[in-house]
PDB file of N, CA and C in Angstrom:
ATOM      1  N   MET A   1       0.840  -1.191   0.000  1.00  0.00           N
ATOM      2  CA  MET A   1       0.000   0.000   0.000  1.00  0.00           C
ATOM      3  C   MET A   1       0.876   1.243   0.000  1.00  0.00           C
ATOM      4  N   ARG A   2       0.363   2.268  -0.620  1.00  0.00           N
ATOM      5  CA  ARG A   2       1.093   3.536  -0.698  1.00  0.00           C
ATOM      6  C   ARG A   2       0.609   4.478   0.393  1.00  0.00           C
ATOM      7  N   ARG A   3       1.573   5.029   1.092  1.00  0.00           N
ATOM      8  CA  ARG A   3       1.299   5.916   2.224  1.00  0.00           C
ATOM      9  C   ARG A   3       1.245   7.370   1.753  1.00  0.00           C
ATOM     10  N   LEU A   4       0.181   8.070   2.132  1.00  0.00           N
ATOM     11  CA  LEU A   4       0.062   9.508   1.917  1.00  0.00           C
ATOM     12  C   LEU A   4       0.194  10.155   3.285  1.00  0.00           C
ATOM     13  N   GLY A   5       1.382  10.667   3.578  1.00  0.00           N
ATOM     14  CA  GLY A   5       1.671  11.135   4.920  1.00  0.00           C
ATOM     15  C   GLY A   5       1.676  12.646   5.050  1.00  0.00           C
ATOM     16  N   ILE A   6       1.155  13.112   6.197  1.00  0.00           N
ATOM     17  CA  ILE A   6       1.220  14.533   6.525  1.00  0.00           C
ATOM     18  C   ILE A   6       1.572  14.690   8.005  1.00  0.00           C
ATOM     19  N   ASP A   7       2.324  15.735   8.280  1.00  0.00           N
ATOM     20  CA  ASP A   7       2.702  16.064   9.640  1.00  0.00           C
ATOM     21  C   ASP A   7       2.040  17.400   9.971  1.00  0.00           C
ATOM     22  N   THR A   8       1.045  17.360  10.840  1.00  0.00           N
ATOM     23  CA  THR A   8       0.269  18.564  11.156  1.00  0.00           C
ATOM     24  C   THR A   8       0.502  19.041  12.578  1.00  0.00           C
ATOM     25  N   ARG A   9       1.525  18.546  13.213  1.00  0.00           N
ATOM     26  CA  ARG A   9       1.761  18.866  14.619  1.00  0.00           C
ATOM     27  C   ARG A   9       1.953  20.352  14.877  1.00  0.00           C
ATOM     28  N   GLU A  10       2.461  21.088  13.920  1.00  0.00           N
ATOM     29  CA  GLU A  10       2.724  22.516  14.108  1.00  0.00           C
ATOM     30  C   GLU A  10       1.626  23.413  13.543  1.00  0.00           C
ATOM     31  N   LEU A  11       0.584  22.825  12.996  1.00  0.00           N
ATOM     32  CA  LEU A  11      -0.471  23.606  12.352  1.00  0.00           C
ATOM     33  C   LEU A  11      -1.628  23.876  13.302  1.00  0.00           C
ATOM     34  N   ALA A  12      -2.286  25.009  13.093  1.00  0.00           N
ATOM     35  CA  ALA A  12      -3.436  25.389  13.909  1.00  0.00           C
ATOM     36  C   ALA A  12      -4.728  24.933  13.231  1.00  0.00           C
ATOM     37  N   HIS A  13      -5.734  24.707  14.046  1.00  0.00           N
ATOM     38  CA  HIS A  13      -7.063  24.375  13.545  1.00  0.00           C
ATOM     39  C   HIS A  13      -7.546  25.510  12.658  1.00  0.00           C
ATOM     40  N   PRO A  14      -8.150  25.260  11.525  1.00  0.00           N
ATOM     41  CA  PRO A  14      -8.649  23.987  10.989  1.00  0.00           C
ATOM     42  C   PRO A  14      -7.735  23.358   9.930  1.00  0.00           C
ATOM     43  N   GLU A  15      -6.505  23.839   9.799  1.00  0.00           N
ATOM     44  CA  GLU A  15      -5.622  23.346   8.742  1.00  0.00           C
ATOM     45  C   GLU A  15      -5.440  21.829   8.715  1.00  0.00           C
ATOM     46  N   PRO A  16      -5.180  21.173   9.849  1.00  0.00           N
ATOM     47  CA  PRO A  16      -5.014  19.707   9.787  1.00  0.00           C
ATOM     48  C   PRO A  16      -6.248  18.984   9.243  1.00  0.00           C
ATOM     49  N   LEU A  17      -7.415  19.411   9.676  1.00  0.00           N
ATOM     50  CA  LEU A  17      -8.654  18.793   9.199  1.00  0.00           C
ATOM     51  C   LEU A  17      -8.824  19.019   7.703  1.00  0.00           C
ATOM     52  N   GLU A  18      -8.582  20.233   7.245  1.00  0.00           N
ATOM     53  CA  GLU A  18      -8.727  20.539   5.818  1.00  0.00           C
ATOM     54  C   GLU A  18      -7.757  19.720   4.976  1.00  0.00           C
ATOM     55  N   MET A  19      -6.507  19.614   5.431  1.00  0.00           N
ATOM     56  CA  MET A  19      -5.513  18.825   4.694  1.00  0.00           C
ATOM     57  C   MET A  19      -5.921  17.359   4.632  1.00  0.00           C
ATOM     58  N   ALA A  20      -6.371  16.827   5.748  1.00  0.00           N
ATOM     59  CA  ALA A  20      -6.755  15.418   5.798  1.00  0.00           C
ATOM     60  C   ALA A  20      -7.957  15.141   4.900  1.00  0.00           C
ATOM     61  N   ILE A  21      -8.926  16.026   4.895  1.00  0.00           N
ATOM     62  CA  ILE A  21     -10.111  15.826   4.052  1.00  0.00           C
ATOM     63  C   ILE A  21      -9.729  15.786   2.579  1.00  0.00           C
ATOM     64  N   LYS A  22      -8.813  16.649   2.161  1.00  0.00           N
ATOM     65  CA  LYS A  22      -8.367  16.632   0.753  1.00  0.00           C
ATOM     66  C   LYS A  22      -7.730  15.289   0.401  1.00  0.00           C
ATOM     67  N   ILE A  23      -6.956  14.744   1.322  1.00  0.00           N
ATOM     68  CA  ILE A  23      -6.324  13.446   1.059  1.00  0.00           C
ATOM     69  C   ILE A  23      -7.359  12.328   1.057  1.00  0.00           C
ATOM     70  N   LEU A  24      -8.309  12.380   1.992  1.00  0.00           N
ATOM     71  CA  LEU A  24      -9.351  11.340   2.032  1.00  0.00           C
ATOM     72  C   LEU A  24     -10.099  11.248   0.713  1.00  0.00           C
ATOM     73  N   GLN A  25     -10.317  12.368   0.069  1.00  0.00           N
ATOM     74  CA  GLN A  25     -11.038  12.386  -1.202  1.00  0.00           C
ATOM     75  C   GLN A  25     -10.260  11.690  -2.312  1.00  0.00           C
ATOM     76  N   GLN A  26      -8.959  11.497  -2.116  1.00  0.00           N
ATOM     77  CA  GLN A  26      -8.102  10.872  -3.130  1.00  0.00           C
ATOM     78  C   GLN A  26      -7.769   9.417  -2.815  1.00  0.00           C
ATOM     79  N   LEU A  27      -8.167   8.922  -1.643  1.00  0.00           N
ATOM     80  CA  LEU A  27      -7.792   7.570  -1.235  1.00  0.00           C
ATOM     81  C   LEU A  27      -8.455   6.508  -2.095  1.00  0.00           C
ATOM     82  N   SER A  28      -7.699   5.448  -2.319  1.00  0.00           N
ATOM     83  CA  SER A  28      -8.232   4.248  -2.970  1.00  0.00           C
ATOM     84  C   SER A  28      -7.867   3.061  -2.081  1.00  0.00           C
ATOM     85  N   ASP A  29      -8.232   1.867  -2.497  1.00  0.00           N
ATOM     86  CA  ASP A  29      -7.957   0.682  -1.677  1.00  0.00           C
ATOM     87  C   ASP A  29      -6.470   0.392  -1.512  1.00  0.00           C
ATOM     88  N   ASP A  30      -5.627   0.971  -2.368  1.00  0.00           N
ATOM     89  CA  ASP A  30      -4.193   0.708  -2.243  1.00  0.00           C
ATOM     90  C   ASP A  30      -3.417   1.892  -1.664  1.00  0.00           C
ATOM     91  N   THR A  31      -4.127   2.863  -1.077  1.00  0.00           N
ATOM     92  CA  THR A  31      -3.480   3.995  -0.415  1.00  0.00           C
ATOM     93  C   THR A  31      -4.097   4.202   0.962  1.00  0.00           C
ATOM     94  N   TYR A  32      -3.347   4.891   1.810  1.00  0.00           N
ATOM     95  CA  TYR A  32      -3.870   5.229   3.123  1.00  0.00           C
ATOM     96  C   TYR A  32      -3.273   6.541   3.606  1.00  0.00           C
ATOM     97  N   LEU A  33      -3.992   7.206   4.480  1.00  0.00           N
ATOM     98  CA  LEU A  33      -3.518   8.434   5.098  1.00  0.00           C
ATOM     99  C   LEU A  33      -2.792   8.083   6.387  1.00  0.00           C
ATOM    100  N   TYR A  34      -1.575   8.590   6.512  1.00  0.00           N
ATOM    101  CA  TYR A  34      -0.831   8.503   7.764  1.00  0.00           C
ATOM    102  C   TYR A  34      -0.599   9.938   8.202  1.00  0.00           C
ATOM    103  N   MET A  35      -1.058  10.264   9.385  1.00  0.00           N
ATOM    104  CA  MET A  35      -1.017  11.643   9.864  1.00  0.00           C
ATOM    105  C   MET A  35      -0.378  11.696  11.244  1.00  0.00           C
ATOM    106  N   LEU A  36       0.501  12.666  11.442  1.00  0.00           N
ATOM    107  CA  LEU A  36       1.022  12.974  12.766  1.00  0.00           C
ATOM    108  C   LEU A  36       0.323  14.233  13.242  1.00  0.00           C
ATOM    109  N   HIS A  37      -0.168  14.204  14.472  1.00  0.00           N
ATOM    110  CA  HIS A  37      -0.943  15.327  14.998  1.00  0.00           C
ATOM    111  C   HIS A  37      -0.558  15.529  16.463  1.00  0.00           C
ATOM    112  N   SER A  38      -0.749  16.743  16.943  1.00  0.00           N
ATOM    113  CA  SER A  38      -0.407  17.044  18.337  1.00  0.00           C
ATOM    114  C   SER A  38      -1.490  16.589  19.314  1.00  0.00           C
ATOM    115  N   LYS A  39      -2.665  16.258  18.788  1.00  0.00           N
ATOM    116  CA  LYS A  39      -3.739  15.739  19.639  1.00  0.00           C
ATOM    117  C   LYS A  39      -4.559  14.727  18.850  1.00  0.00           C
ATOM    118  N   ASN A  40      -5.428  14.023  19.531  1.00  0.00           N
ATOM    119  CA  ASN A  40      -6.276  13.023  18.879  1.00  0.00           C
ATOM    120  C   ASN A  40      -7.397  13.753  18.140  1.00  0.00           C
ATOM    121  N   PRO A  41      -7.425  13.711  16.813  1.00  0.00           N
ATOM    122  CA  PRO A  41      -8.391  14.488  16.031  1.00  0.00           C
ATOM    123  C   PRO A  41      -9.762  13.808  15.921  1.00  0.00           C
ATOM    124  N   ILE A  42     -10.495  13.834  17.011  1.00  0.00           N
ATOM    125  CA  ILE A  42     -11.802  13.153  17.072  1.00  0.00           C
ATOM    126  C   ILE A  42     -12.741  13.558  15.930  1.00  0.00           C
ATOM    127  N   PRO A  43     -12.891  14.864  15.615  1.00  0.00           N
ATOM    128  CA  PRO A  43     -13.806  15.216  14.507  1.00  0.00           C
ATOM    129  C   PRO A  43     -13.405  14.564  13.182  1.00  0.00           C
ATOM    130  N   LEU A  44     -12.117  14.511  12.899  1.00  0.00           N
ATOM    131  CA  LEU A  44     -11.656  13.866  11.665  1.00  0.00           C
ATOM    132  C   LEU A  44     -11.976  12.383  11.682  1.00  0.00           C
ATOM    133  N   LEU A  45     -11.704  11.736  12.790  1.00  0.00           N
ATOM    134  CA  LEU A  45     -11.963  10.301  12.895  1.00  0.00           C
ATOM    135  C   LEU A  45     -13.449   9.999  12.745  1.00  0.00           C
ATOM    136  N   ASP A  46     -14.284  10.795  13.387  1.00  0.00           N
ATOM    137  CA  ASP A  46     -15.737  10.613  13.270  1.00  0.00           C
ATOM    138  C   ASP A  46     -16.198  10.799  11.829  1.00  0.00           C
ATOM    139  N   LEU A  47     -15.704  11.847  11.180  1.00  0.00           N
ATOM    140  CA  LEU A  47     -16.079  12.125   9.791  1.00  0.00           C
ATOM    141  C   LEU A  47     -15.648  10.980   8.874  1.00  0.00           C
ATOM    142  N   ALA A  48     -14.431  10.508   9.066  1.00  0.00           N
ATOM    143  CA  ALA A  48     -13.929   9.412   8.230  1.00  0.00           C
ATOM    144  C   ALA A  48     -14.767   8.157   8.417  1.00  0.00           C
ATOM    145  N   GLN A  49     -15.092   7.828   9.654  1.00  0.00           N
ATOM    146  CA  GLN A  49     -15.893   6.636   9.923  1.00  0.00           C
ATOM    147  C   GLN A  49     -17.302   6.763   9.353  1.00  0.00           C
ATOM    148  N   GLU A  50     -17.869   7.955   9.405  1.00  0.00           N
ATOM    149  CA  GLU A  50     -19.202   8.180   8.822  1.00  0.00           C
ATOM    150  C   GLU A  50     -19.200   7.929   7.317  1.00  0.00           C
ATOM    151  N   HIS A  51     -18.042   8.110   6.683  1.00  0.00           N
ATOM    152  CA  HIS A  51     -17.929   7.905   5.241  1.00  0.00           C
ATOM    153  C   HIS A  51     -17.356   6.535   4.878  1.00  0.00           C
ATOM    154  N   GLY A  52     -17.324   5.643   5.849  1.00  0.00           N
ATOM    155  CA  GLY A  52     -16.953   4.265   5.567  1.00  0.00           C
ATOM    156  C   GLY A  52     -15.478   3.937   5.667  1.00  0.00           C
ATOM    157  N   TYR A  53     -14.669   4.865   6.117  1.00  0.00           N
ATOM    158  CA  TYR A  53     -13.248   4.594   6.284  1.00  0.00           C
ATOM    159  C   TYR A  53     -12.981   3.897   7.611  1.00  0.00           C
ATOM    160  N   ARG A  54     -11.912   3.130   7.636  1.00  0.00           N
ATOM    161  CA  ARG A  54     -11.434   2.515   8.873  1.00  0.00           C
ATOM    162  C   ARG A  54     -10.361   3.429   9.445  1.00  0.00           C
ATOM    163  N   THR A  55     -10.356   3.591  10.752  1.00  0.00           N
ATOM    164  CA  THR A  55      -9.417   4.519  11.378  1.00  0.00           C
ATOM    165  C   THR A  55      -8.728   3.879  12.573  1.00  0.00           C
ATOM    166  N   LEU A  56      -7.547   4.394  12.860  1.00  0.00           N
ATOM    167  CA  LEU A  56      -6.818   4.023  14.062  1.00  0.00           C
ATOM    168  C   LEU A  56      -6.024   5.246  14.494  1.00  0.00           C
ATOM    169  N   SER A  57      -6.108   5.589  15.770  1.00  0.00           N
ATOM    170  CA  SER A  57      -5.276   6.662  16.308  1.00  0.00           C
ATOM    171  C   SER A  57      -4.610   6.144  17.570  1.00  0.00           C
ATOM    172  N   GLU A  58      -3.339   6.475  17.687  1.00  0.00           N
ATOM    173  CA  GLU A  58      -2.557   5.958  18.800  1.00  0.00           C
ATOM    174  C   GLU A  58      -1.527   7.009  19.206  1.00  0.00           C
ATOM    175  N   GLU A  59      -1.444   7.247  20.505  1.00  0.00           N
ATOM    176  CA  GLU A  59      -0.454   8.203  21.005  1.00  0.00           C
ATOM    177  C   GLU A  59       0.892   7.499  21.139  1.00  0.00           C
ATOM    178  N   ASN A  60       1.951   8.137  20.624  1.00  0.00           N
ATOM    179  CA  ASN A  60       3.275   7.518  20.723  1.00  0.00           C
ATOM    180  C   ASN A  60       3.982   7.940  22.004  1.00  0.00           C
ATOM    181  N   GLU A  61       5.210   7.466  22.176  1.00  0.00           N
ATOM    182  CA  GLU A  61       5.934   7.671  23.430  1.00  0.00           C
ATOM    183  C   GLU A  61       6.292   9.130  23.715  1.00  0.00           C
ATOM    184  N   VAL A  62       6.274   9.993  22.709  1.00  0.00           N
ATOM    185  CA  VAL A  62       6.601  11.406  22.932  1.00  0.00           C
ATOM    186  C   VAL A  62       5.356  12.293  22.981  1.00  0.00           C
ATOM    187  N   GLY A  63       4.177  11.686  22.960  1.00  0.00           N
ATOM    188  CA  GLY A  63       2.935  12.435  23.096  1.00  0.00           C
ATOM    189  C   GLY A  63       2.306  12.905  21.797  1.00  0.00           C
ATOM    190  N   ASP A  64       2.870  12.498  20.661  1.00  0.00           N
ATOM    191  CA  ASP A  64       2.256  12.816  19.369  1.00  0.00           C
ATOM    192  C   ASP A  64       1.264  11.713  19.007  1.00  0.00           C
ATOM    193  N   TRP A  65       0.268  12.083  18.234  1.00  0.00           N
ATOM    194  CA  TRP A  65      -0.733  11.111  17.790  1.00  0.00           C
ATOM    195  C   TRP A  65      -0.432  10.665  16.375  1.00  0.00           C
ATOM    196  N   GLN A  66      -0.451   9.371  16.160  1.00  0.00           N
ATOM    197  CA  GLN A  66      -0.319   8.763  14.837  1.00  0.00           C
ATOM    198  C   GLN A  66      -1.711   8.305  14.419  1.00  0.00           C
ATOM    199  N   ILE A  67      -2.125   8.730  13.249  1.00  0.00           N
ATOM    200  CA  ILE A  67      -3.464   8.413  12.761  1.00  0.00           C
ATOM    201  C   ILE A  67      -3.329   7.699  11.417  1.00  0.00           C
ATOM    202  N   VAL A  68      -4.070   6.622  11.261  1.00  0.00           N
ATOM    203  CA  VAL A  68      -4.127   5.883  10.004  1.00  0.00           C
ATOM    204  C   VAL A  68      -5.586   5.818   9.575  1.00  0.00           C
ATOM    205  N   ILE A  69      -5.823   6.149   8.308  1.00  0.00           N
ATOM    206  CA  ILE A  69      -7.185   6.092   7.753  1.00  0.00           C
ATOM    207  C   ILE A  69      -7.102   5.433   6.379  1.00  0.00           C
ATOM    208  N   THR A  70      -7.961   4.446   6.154  1.00  0.00           N
ATOM    209  CA  THR A  70      -7.995   3.754   4.870  1.00  0.00           C
ATOM    210  C   THR A  70      -9.396   3.225   4.584  1.00  0.00           C
ATOM    211  N   SER A  71      -9.643   2.991   3.307  1.00  0.00           N
ATOM    212  CA  SER A  71     -10.898   2.344   2.914  1.00  0.00           C
ATOM    213  C   SER A  71     -10.692   0.847   2.709  1.00  0.00           C
ATOM    214  N   ASN A  72      -9.452   0.390   2.751  1.00  0.00           N
ATOM    215  CA  ASN A  72      -9.124  -1.012   2.542  1.00  0.00           C
ATOM    216  C   ASN A  72      -9.580  -1.831   3.750  1.00  0.00           C
ATOM    217  N   SER A  73     -10.414  -2.803   3.517  1.00  0.00           N
ATOM    218  CA  SER A  73     -10.981  -3.595   4.607  1.00  0.00           C
ATOM    219  C   SER A  73     -10.125  -4.793   4.994  1.00  0.00           C
ATOM    220  N   THR A  74      -9.052  -5.058   4.250  1.00  0.00           N
ATOM    221  CA  THR A  74      -8.267  -6.257   4.506  1.00  0.00           C
ATOM    222  C   THR A  74      -6.964  -6.000   5.261  1.00  0.00           C
ATOM    223  N   VAL A  75      -6.506  -4.786   5.287  1.00  0.00           N
ATOM    224  CA  VAL A  75      -5.210  -4.477   5.892  1.00  0.00           C
ATOM    225  C   VAL A  75      -5.343  -4.327   7.413  1.00  0.00           C
ATOM    226  N   ASP A  76      -4.298  -4.731   8.127  1.00  0.00           N
ATOM    227  CA  ASP A  76      -4.239  -4.548   9.570  1.00  0.00           C
ATOM    228  C   ASP A  76      -3.730  -3.129   9.831  1.00  0.00           C
ATOM    229  N   LEU A  77      -4.568  -2.292  10.416  1.00  0.00           N
ATOM    230  CA  LEU A  77      -4.215  -0.896  10.626  1.00  0.00           C
ATOM    231  C   LEU A  77      -2.976  -0.733  11.507  1.00  0.00           C
ATOM    232  N   LYS A  78      -2.799  -1.610  12.476  1.00  0.00           N
ATOM    233  CA  LYS A  78      -1.616  -1.543  13.344  1.00  0.00           C
ATOM    234  C   LYS A  78      -0.341  -1.707  12.527  1.00  0.00           C
ATOM    235  N   ASP A  79      -0.386  -2.534  11.511  1.00  0.00           N
ATOM    236  CA  ASP A  79       0.786  -2.730  10.648  1.00  0.00           C
ATOM    237  C   ASP A  79       1.177  -1.438   9.936  1.00  0.00           C
ATOM    238  N   LEU A  80       0.206  -0.605   9.621  1.00  0.00           N
ATOM    239  CA  LEU A  80       0.478   0.636   8.899  1.00  0.00           C
ATOM    240  C   LEU A  80       1.122   1.695   9.781  1.00  0.00           C
ATOM    241  N   LEU A  81       0.977   1.586  11.088  1.00  0.00           N
ATOM    242  CA  LEU A  81       1.606   2.549  11.994  1.00  0.00           C
ATOM    243  C   LEU A  81       3.114   2.442  11.955  1.00  0.00           C
ATOM    244  N   GLY A  82       3.634   1.241  11.796  1.00  0.00           N
ATOM    245  CA  GLY A  82       5.065   1.037  11.846  1.00  0.00           C
ATOM    246  C   GLY A  82       5.780   1.149  10.517  1.00  0.00           C
ATOM    247  N   VAL A  83       5.048   1.346   9.457  1.00  0.00           N
ATOM    248  CA  VAL A  83       5.640   1.385   8.104  1.00  0.00           C
ATOM    249  C   VAL A  83       6.431   2.653   7.901  1.00  0.00           C
TER     250      VAL A  83
END
């Protein structure tokens, strides 16, 4: 799978959400969004799930959030965090 990654840790609201939405509109079954964020983006996760995407968000050891969003139903989302 091809990773579409963005680092939004230094951006102010609503920029991270806007960037993520643009990428979500381009996702296919062989791509996924990998996002680094300074907090858990609940509105983004809710929006993605409402549109049928699978999501995973996990806080790493330094307090940043890693977010994975994909429409692929067969991939293990945890595997995409470490890629």
